Amino acid sequence: MAQRILHVIPAVAPRYGGPSVATFGMCRALAAYDVETVVATTDADGPDRLPVETGSIVRYGDVPVIFFPRAFSESFKWSGLLASWVHSHVSGFDLVHIHAVFSHSSVTTGRACRHAGVPYVVRPLGNLDPWSLARHGWRKQLLFKLGVRDLLRHAAGIHYTSEAERQLAQGALPWLPQGVVVPLGVEDELFVTAPPASSDARYVLALCRLDVKKGIDLLIEAFHAQHARGVEHAWSLIIAGDGDPAYVAKLHRLAKAGAARDRIAFRGWVTGAERHALIAGARAFALPSHQENFGLSVVEAMACGVPVIVTPGVNVSGEVAAHDAGWVVPRDRDAWTQTLAQVLADAAELSRRGRLARALAERFRWPSVGRQLVEVYAALLESRVAVAPRRHAAPRPGWVPSADGRTDR
């Protein structure tokens, strides 16, 4: 009988970046292994709401998804209707995959699973890294007391996306249950050469959610500094993404305040073919994050044959360094300035590292990741059955829950 897995994530709007993209990629990859999935989430989209039907399962991103209204709080994304539905329907699933930690959907789903005797695994999205734990630390300490500690302590497993993420989390919280490392995946289409994004052939690309932790301010400052040295005036810096309006405005002011003011462009959100072309057309991809549990956009760039420039805080940086797929640079403006000057002046080295980057990205194709997830689910379920057999009756094969409790194939 096919496994039935419920995925719960606070929100999936594009503005929230890699976590939602990866969740849909997991579900599509799992379908190839006869795993039935449903995603439960909210309609949150920053200050707005996604234009989606709520309360019934719909196809979204080619995946069965049930949306619920976010009642309040953009950070916590509280949804009483999501909580009620999960408590009513969780017993019909073999296992629950919870994405995120400090969110209402995560805490309430953990409680529902424990009440129903359903095992669950938590993907913390880098939130257990010491840098992340320290950010808004007082709020996170309160949430630990209000349910996060129980959520983590009683999980059947913690899903880390890199070995570095696992080591950092377990070092900060040694009481965490067993952890498994399964990376995120990239779509096969990224390995196919895309048409040029524009006539601006020589550009460094930063593509991400524009948040303080991404460190784009450091990249802009370093680009200004290398430009002022007259090393390479024909290069541009393209920044694609969006985020908090106040922070985005700060980045725009910073971009206009230096020597490279005419060579820095903001593209906003890009999706689909436009996004693919923008990545594939870059000569280098830069992400100077303070902390990144994986760095999906980094791996997507490597799949397109684009070498990357990252900080040690990007947890795939170890693989990048080991395979010479780019440059790993400390979070220091002078170090980034020097590296940019070196990178932009050496076309042969860019080409060489681009080929190595694509070879490294091969290990992150979704079919391989999907197989690893199936193996993790099977091992957790086998262990769970050996310790505490499920007491509720299993639904019929092909069962997919609807919002009102009816069952559909």
Protein backbone atom coordinates (compact mmCIF):
# COMPACT_ATOMS: atom_id res chain seq x y z
CA MET A 1 0.00 0.00 0.00
CA ALA A 2 1.28 3.48 -0.89
CA GLN A 3 2.53 5.68 1.90
CA ARG A 4 0.30 8.64 2.76
CA ILE A 5 2.31 11.68 3.85
CA LEU A 6 0.91 15.01 5.03
CA HIS A 7 3.21 18.01 4.54
CA VAL A 8 2.48 21.06 6.70
CA ILE A 9 4.14 24.42 6.02
CA PRO A 10 3.17 27.93 7.22
CA ALA A 11 2.93 29.45 3.73
CA VAL A 12 3.86 28.75 0.13
CA ALA A 13 3.63 32.12 -1.62
CA PRO A 14 6.63 32.82 -3.87
CA ARG A 15 7.78 35.69 -1.64
CA TYR A 16 8.79 33.16 1.04
CA GLY A 17 11.48 31.70 -1.19
CA GLY A 18 13.09 28.26 -1.15
CA PRO A 19 11.12 26.44 1.58
CA SER A 20 7.87 26.40 -0.39
CA VAL A 21 9.62 25.63 -3.68
CA ALA A 22 11.36 22.69 -2.05
CA THR A 23 8.15 21.38 -0.47
CA PHE A 24 6.45 21.16 -3.85
CA GLY A 25 9.55 19.61 -5.36
CA MET A 26 9.51 16.93 -2.65
CA CYS A 27 5.86 16.10 -3.29
CA ARG A 28 6.35 15.80 -7.05
CA ALA A 29 9.45 13.64 -6.53
CA LEU A 30 7.62 11.42 -4.02
CA ALA A 31 4.76 10.84 -6.46
CA ALA A 32 7.19 8.99 -8.73
CA TYR A 33 7.66 6.47 -5.90
CA ASP A 34 3.92 5.92 -5.36
CA VAL A 35 3.79 8.13 -2.28
CA GLU A 36 0.53 10.05 -1.83
CA THR A 37 0.98 13.57 -0.49
CA VAL A 38 -1.19 16.46 0.61
CA VAL A 39 0.16 19.89 1.60
CA ALA A 40 -1.69 21.84 4.32
CA THR A 41 -0.81 25.53 4.53
CA THR A 42 -2.20 29.05 4.81
CA ASP A 43 -3.02 31.64 2.18
CA ALA A 44 -0.47 34.09 3.62
CA ASP A 45 1.33 36.28 1.08
CA GLY A 46 3.06 38.94 3.10
CA PRO A 47 0.51 41.66 3.86
CA ASP A 48 -1.80 40.14 1.26
CA ARG A 49 -3.36 36.73 0.62
CA LEU A 50 -2.91 34.28 -2.21
CA PRO A 51 -5.93 34.24 -4.56
CA VAL A 52 -6.74 30.59 -3.82
CA GLU A 53 -9.76 28.61 -2.70
CA THR A 54 -9.60 27.79 0.99
CA GLY A 55 -10.97 24.79 2.87
CA SER A 56 -10.87 22.30 -0.02
CA ILE A 57 -8.07 20.39 -1.68
CA VAL A 58 -6.98 21.99 -4.94
CA ARG A 59 -4.11 21.44 -7.37
CA TYR A 60 -1.45 24.08 -6.79
CA GLY A 61 1.98 23.73 -8.31
CA ASP A 62 0.71 20.38 -9.64
CA VAL A 63 0.42 19.12 -6.04
CA PRO A 64 -2.70 18.48 -3.86
CA VAL A 65 -2.85 21.43 -1.46
CA ILE A 66 -5.43 22.56 1.07
CA PHE A 67 -5.24 26.25 2.03
CA PHE A 68 -6.64 27.88 5.15
CA PRO A 69 -7.00 31.58 5.93
CA ARG A 70 -4.24 33.12 8.02
CA ALA A 71 -6.19 34.70 10.87
CA PHE A 72 -3.43 36.98 12.15
CA SER A 73 0.34 37.46 12.60
CA GLU A 74 2.59 37.45 9.57
CA SER A 75 5.47 35.96 11.58
CA PHE A 76 3.50 33.22 13.38
CA LYS A 77 0.75 32.79 10.72
CA TRP A 78 -1.93 31.65 13.15
CA SER A 79 -4.80 29.74 11.55
CA GLY A 80 -7.46 28.16 13.72
CA LEU A 81 -9.09 26.48 10.72
CA LEU A 82 -5.80 24.82 9.75
CA ALA A 83 -5.39 23.57 13.32
CA SER A 84 -8.92 22.18 13.40
CA TRP A 85 -8.51 20.38 10.08
CA VAL A 86 -5.18 18.84 11.02
CA HIS A 87 -6.53 17.56 14.33
CA SER A 88 -9.51 16.01 12.51
CA HIS A 89 -7.61 14.43 9.61
CA VAL A 90 -4.07 13.63 10.75
CA SER A 91 -4.97 10.06 11.76
CA GLY A 92 -5.53 9.22 8.11
CA PHE A 93 -1.87 9.69 7.26
CA ASP A 94 1.06 7.36 7.86
CA LEU A 95 3.49 10.16 8.69
CA VAL A 96 3.56 13.95 8.77
CA HIS A 97 6.42 16.10 7.44
CA ILE A 98 6.42 19.46 9.25
CA HIS A 99 8.29 22.29 7.55
CA ALA A 100 9.39 25.15 9.88
CA VAL A 101 9.63 25.41 13.65
CA PHE A 102 8.52 28.77 15.03
CA SER A 103 5.09 28.83 13.39
CA HIS A 104 1.56 28.05 14.51
CA SER A 105 1.10 25.37 11.86
CA SER A 106 4.16 23.50 13.14
CA VAL A 107 3.29 23.62 16.84
CA THR A 108 -0.38 22.69 16.36
CA THR A 109 0.46 19.88 13.95
CA GLY A 110 2.96 18.40 16.39
CA ARG A 111 0.28 18.36 19.08
CA ALA A 112 -2.23 16.73 16.74
CA CYS A 113 0.25 14.04 15.77
CA ARG A 114 1.12 13.23 19.36
CA HIS A 115 -2.56 13.03 20.28
CA ALA A 116 -3.32 10.69 17.36
CA GLY A 117 -0.15 8.61 17.68
CA VAL A 118 1.06 9.60 14.22
CA PRO A 119 4.86 9.96 13.79
CA TYR A 120 6.19 13.19 12.39
CA VAL A 121 9.48 14.57 11.11
CA VAL A 122 10.47 18.23 11.34
CA ARG A 123 12.43 20.15 8.70
CA PRO A 124 13.71 23.16 10.67
CA LEU A 125 14.70 25.32 7.67
CA GLY A 126 17.89 26.40 9.41
CA ASN A 127 15.94 27.84 12.36
CA LEU A 128 17.98 25.78 14.85
CA ASP A 129 21.29 27.25 13.71
CA PRO A 130 22.88 29.36 16.49
CA TRP A 131 22.73 32.48 14.29
CA SER A 132 19.00 32.01 13.70
CA LEU A 133 18.27 31.13 17.32
CA ALA A 134 19.91 34.39 18.42
CA ARG A 135 17.84 36.48 16.01
CA HIS A 136 14.68 37.68 17.82
CA GLY A 137 15.91 35.44 20.62
CA TRP A 138 13.37 36.55 23.26
CA ARG A 139 10.48 35.61 20.96
CA LYS A 140 11.95 32.20 20.23
CA GLN A 141 12.59 31.50 23.91
CA LEU A 142 8.91 32.21 24.57
CA LEU A 143 7.82 29.94 21.72
CA PHE A 144 10.04 27.16 23.05
CA LYS A 145 8.04 27.31 26.28
CA LEU A 146 4.71 27.47 24.42
CA GLY A 147 5.21 24.34 22.35
CA VAL A 148 8.33 24.36 20.20
CA ARG A 149 10.37 22.31 22.68
CA ASP A 150 7.70 19.58 22.73
CA LEU A 151 7.41 19.75 18.94
CA LEU A 152 11.11 18.99 18.55
CA ARG A 153 11.62 16.63 21.49
CA HIS A 154 8.86 14.24 20.40
CA ALA A 155 9.64 14.20 16.67
CA ALA A 156 10.43 10.84 15.12
CA GLY A 157 13.29 12.57 13.35
CA ILE A 158 14.70 15.94 12.29
CA HIS A 159 15.21 16.46 8.57
CA TYR A 160 18.35 18.48 7.90
CA THR A 161 19.26 19.45 4.37
CA SER A 162 23.03 19.50 4.91
CA GLU A 163 25.51 17.96 7.30
CA ALA A 164 26.60 21.43 8.40
CA GLU A 165 23.01 22.26 9.39
CA ARG A 166 22.81 19.06 11.44
CA GLN A 167 26.06 19.73 13.28
CA LEU A 168 25.16 23.33 14.09
CA ALA A 169 21.67 22.44 15.35
CA GLN A 170 22.81 19.52 17.47
CA GLY A 171 25.64 21.58 18.87
CA ALA A 172 23.19 24.29 19.96
CA LEU A 173 20.50 21.85 21.17
CA PRO A 174 22.14 18.52 22.07
CA TRP A 175 18.83 17.08 23.31
CA LEU A 176 17.35 17.00 19.80
CA PRO A 177 16.16 13.58 18.56
CA GLN A 178 17.94 11.71 15.80
CA GLY A 179 18.62 13.65 12.66
CA VAL A 180 18.78 12.60 9.02
CA VAL A 181 20.41 14.54 6.20
CA VAL A 182 18.52 14.64 2.92
CA PRO A 183 19.39 17.55 0.61
CA LEU A 184 16.94 19.59 -1.41
CA GLY A 185 16.65 18.99 -5.13
CA VAL A 186 16.69 20.97 -8.34
CA GLU A 187 14.46 20.52 -11.36
CA ASP A 188 15.87 18.70 -14.39
CA GLU A 189 15.01 21.64 -16.66
CA LEU A 190 17.73 23.72 -15.00
CA PHE A 191 20.36 21.44 -16.52
CA VAL A 192 19.12 22.42 -19.99
CA THR A 193 20.72 25.55 -21.43
CA ALA A 194 18.32 28.48 -21.33
CA PRO A 195 18.19 31.33 -23.86
CA PRO A 196 20.15 34.48 -22.92
CA ALA A 197 18.39 36.61 -20.33
CA SER A 198 19.43 39.90 -21.93
CA SER A 199 22.13 41.59 -23.93
CA ASP A 200 23.96 42.37 -20.68
CA ALA A 201 26.15 39.30 -21.06
CA ARG A 202 28.49 39.99 -18.17
CA TYR A 203 26.68 40.16 -14.85
CA VAL A 204 26.86 38.76 -11.35
CA LEU A 205 23.47 37.60 -10.12
CA ALA A 206 22.01 37.61 -6.62
CA LEU A 207 18.60 35.91 -6.59
CA CYS A 208 16.91 35.40 -3.24
CA ARG A 209 14.34 36.65 -0.78
CA LEU A 210 15.59 40.09 0.21
CA ASP A 211 16.11 39.69 3.94
CA VAL A 212 18.81 40.90 6.32
CA LYS A 213 20.22 37.40 6.67
CA LYS A 214 21.00 37.20 2.94
CA GLY A 215 23.70 39.86 3.27
CA ILE A 216 22.97 41.64 -0.01
CA ASP A 217 24.14 44.91 1.52
CA LEU A 218 27.66 43.45 1.78
CA LEU A 219 27.53 42.39 -1.88
CA ILE A 220 26.48 45.87 -3.01
CA GLU A 221 29.24 47.52 -0.98
CA ALA A 222 31.87 45.13 -2.36
CA PHE A 223 30.64 45.69 -5.92
CA HIS A 224 30.93 49.44 -5.46
CA ALA A 225 34.44 49.02 -4.04
CA GLN A 226 35.76 46.83 -6.86
CA HIS A 227 34.17 49.15 -9.42
CA ALA A 228 35.90 52.16 -7.85
CA ARG A 229 39.24 50.40 -8.30
CA GLY A 230 38.65 50.37 -12.05
CA VAL A 231 39.18 46.63 -12.28
CA GLU A 232 36.24 45.90 -14.56
CA HIS A 233 33.68 48.50 -15.62
CA ALA A 234 31.74 46.36 -18.10
CA TRP A 235 30.21 44.09 -15.45
CA SER A 236 26.81 44.57 -13.86
CA LEU A 237 25.24 43.33 -10.64
CA ILE A 238 21.65 42.13 -10.97
CA ILE A 239 19.61 41.63 -7.80
CA ALA A 240 16.42 39.61 -8.23
CA GLY A 241 13.93 39.13 -5.41
CA ASP A 242 11.77 41.06 -3.01
CA GLY A 243 11.12 41.32 0.70
CA ASP A 244 10.27 43.77 3.45
CA PRO A 245 9.70 47.15 1.74
CA ALA A 246 11.82 49.05 4.28
CA TYR A 247 14.79 46.74 3.79
CA VAL A 248 14.40 46.74 0.01
CA ALA A 249 14.36 50.54 0.04
CA LYS A 250 17.56 50.50 2.10
CA LEU A 251 19.23 48.30 -0.53
CA HIS A 252 18.12 50.65 -3.31
CA ARG A 253 19.62 53.63 -1.46
CA LEU A 254 22.85 51.73 -0.92
CA ALA A 255 23.01 50.80 -4.62
CA LYS A 256 22.68 54.46 -5.64
CA ALA A 257 25.32 55.68 -3.22
CA GLY A 258 28.51 54.30 -4.76
CA ALA A 259 30.76 54.13 -7.80
CA ALA A 260 28.78 51.33 -9.46
CA ARG A 261 25.41 53.09 -9.16
CA ASP A 262 24.79 52.77 -12.91
CA ARG A 263 25.74 49.08 -12.97
CA ILE A 264 23.39 47.74 -10.29
CA ALA A 265 19.87 46.73 -11.31
CA PHE A 266 16.94 45.38 -9.29
CA ARG A 267 14.60 42.98 -11.11
CA GLY A 268 12.03 42.15 -8.40
CA TRP A 269 10.49 38.69 -8.36
CA VAL A 270 11.21 36.54 -11.40
CA THR A 271 9.64 33.17 -12.09
CA GLY A 272 9.43 30.44 -14.69
CA ALA A 273 11.34 30.78 -17.95
CA GLU A 274 12.44 34.32 -17.11
CA ARG A 275 14.02 33.11 -13.88
CA HIS A 276 15.76 30.21 -15.63
CA ALA A 277 17.16 32.50 -18.31
CA LEU A 278 18.38 35.03 -15.74
CA ILE A 279 20.27 32.36 -13.79
CA ALA A 280 21.70 30.64 -16.86
CA GLY A 281 22.88 33.94 -18.35
CA ALA A 282 24.90 34.95 -15.29
CA ARG A 283 28.67 34.65 -15.29
CA ALA A 284 28.66 34.17 -11.49
CA PHE A 285 26.07 33.78 -8.75
CA ALA A 286 26.58 35.46 -5.36
CA LEU A 287 24.99 34.79 -1.97
CA PRO A 288 26.81 36.37 1.02
CA SER A 289 24.34 35.06 3.65
CA HIS A 290 24.88 35.19 7.39
CA GLN A 291 23.18 31.77 7.55
CA GLU A 292 21.67 29.43 4.97
CA ASN A 293 20.72 25.89 5.91
CA PHE A 294 21.07 24.77 2.29
CA GLY A 295 20.97 27.49 -0.35
CA LEU A 296 18.58 26.19 -3.02
CA SER A 297 19.24 29.07 -5.41
CA VAL A 298 22.97 28.32 -5.16
CA VAL A 299 22.45 24.74 -6.31
CA GLU A 300 20.08 25.92 -9.05
CA ALA A 301 22.81 28.22 -10.35
CA MET A 302 25.33 25.38 -10.32
CA ALA A 303 22.88 23.21 -12.27
CA CYS A 304 22.92 25.91 -14.95
CA GLY A 305 26.72 25.75 -15.05
CA VAL A 306 27.20 29.03 -13.18
CA PRO A 307 30.00 29.17 -10.57
CA VAL A 308 28.99 30.57 -7.20
CA ILE A 309 30.45 32.96 -4.64
CA VAL A 310 29.19 32.20 -1.13
CA THR A 311 30.05 32.68 2.52
CA PRO A 312 30.83 29.86 4.97
CA GLY A 313 27.36 30.56 6.42
CA VAL A 314 25.81 28.95 3.34
CA ASN A 315 25.78 25.33 4.42
CA VAL A 316 26.58 23.87 1.00
CA SER A 317 29.78 25.93 0.98
CA GLY A 318 31.78 22.87 2.04
CA GLU A 319 30.74 21.03 -1.11
CA VAL A 320 31.41 24.13 -3.22
CA ALA A 321 34.95 24.38 -1.86
CA ALA A 322 35.65 20.65 -2.08
CA HIS A 323 34.60 20.48 -5.74
CA ASP A 324 36.07 23.85 -6.80
CA ALA A 325 32.58 24.84 -7.95
CA GLY A 326 33.06 28.48 -6.97
CA TRP A 327 34.54 30.62 -4.21
CA VAL A 328 33.87 30.52 -0.46
CA VAL A 329 34.61 33.95 0.99
CA PRO A 330 34.36 35.17 4.61
CA ARG A 331 31.71 37.78 5.38
CA ASP A 332 34.13 40.68 5.04
CA ARG A 333 33.79 43.56 2.58
CA ASP A 334 37.48 43.66 1.64
CA ALA A 335 37.55 39.90 1.06
CA TRP A 336 34.46 40.11 -1.17
CA THR A 337 35.88 43.11 -3.03
CA GLN A 338 39.11 41.25 -3.74
CA THR A 339 37.29 38.09 -4.81
CA LEU A 340 34.97 39.98 -7.15
CA ALA A 341 37.96 41.70 -8.76
CA GLN A 342 39.65 38.32 -9.23
CA VAL A 343 36.52 36.58 -10.54
CA LEU A 344 35.51 39.27 -13.00
CA ALA A 345 38.98 39.40 -14.54
CA ASP A 346 39.39 35.69 -15.26
CA ALA A 347 36.98 34.33 -17.86
CA ALA A 348 38.84 31.03 -18.18
CA GLU A 349 38.57 30.33 -14.44
CA LEU A 350 34.87 31.22 -14.47
CA SER A 351 34.32 28.72 -17.26
CA ARG A 352 36.32 26.00 -15.51
CA ARG A 353 34.52 26.38 -12.21
CA GLY A 354 31.18 26.57 -14.01
CA ARG A 355 31.75 23.10 -15.47
CA LEU A 356 32.66 21.76 -12.03
CA ALA A 357 29.58 23.43 -10.54
CA ARG A 358 27.27 21.65 -12.96
CA ALA A 359 28.93 18.32 -12.19
CA LEU A 360 28.40 18.90 -8.46
CA ALA A 361 24.74 19.81 -8.97
CA GLU A 362 24.06 16.41 -10.55
CA ARG A 363 23.85 14.84 -7.10
CA PHE A 364 20.92 17.12 -6.22
CA ARG A 365 18.45 16.05 -8.89
CA TRP A 366 14.94 15.49 -7.47
CA PRO A 367 14.61 11.78 -8.38
CA SER A 368 17.61 10.99 -6.18
CA VAL A 369 16.30 13.17 -3.36
CA GLY A 370 12.84 11.59 -3.62
CA ARG A 371 14.33 8.12 -3.25
CA GLN A 372 16.21 9.21 -0.12
CA LEU A 373 13.02 10.61 1.40
CA VAL A 374 11.12 7.38 0.74
CA GLU A 375 13.87 5.44 2.49
CA VAL A 376 13.77 7.83 5.49
CA TYR A 377 9.98 7.56 5.76
CA ALA A 378 10.12 3.76 5.57
CA ALA A 379 12.80 3.55 8.27
CA LEU A 380 10.90 5.88 10.61
CA LEU A 381 7.63 4.00 10.10
CA GLU A 382 9.29 0.63 10.64
CA SER A 383 10.86 1.88 13.86
CA ARG A 384 7.56 3.37 14.98
CA VAL A 385 5.60 0.18 14.33
CA ALA A 386 8.17 -1.84 16.25
CA VAL A 387 7.84 0.44 19.27
CA ALA A 388 4.18 1.50 19.27
CA PRO A 389 1.79 0.07 16.67
CA ARG A 390 -0.77 2.45 15.25
CA ARG A 391 -4.14 2.00 16.96
CA HIS A 392 -6.44 3.57 14.39
CA ALA A 393 -7.75 1.89 11.26
CA ALA A 394 -6.00 2.71 8.02
CA PRO A 395 -8.14 4.40 5.35
CA ARG A 396 -8.74 2.64 2.07
CA PRO A 397 -6.05 2.83 -0.63
CA GLY A 398 -6.08 6.02 -2.63
CA TRP A 399 -7.69 7.96 0.20
CA VAL A 400 -7.24 11.71 0.05
CA PRO A 401 -8.98 13.87 2.67
CA SER A 402 -11.18 16.80 1.79
CA ALA A 403 -11.99 19.72 4.03
CA ASP A 404 -15.40 18.40 5.07
CA GLY A 405 -14.16 14.90 5.89
CA ARG A 406 -15.34 13.21 2.70
CA THR A 407 -12.88 10.91 0.93
CA ASP A 408 -11.90 11.05 -2.72
CA ARG A 409 -9.60 9.12 -4.94
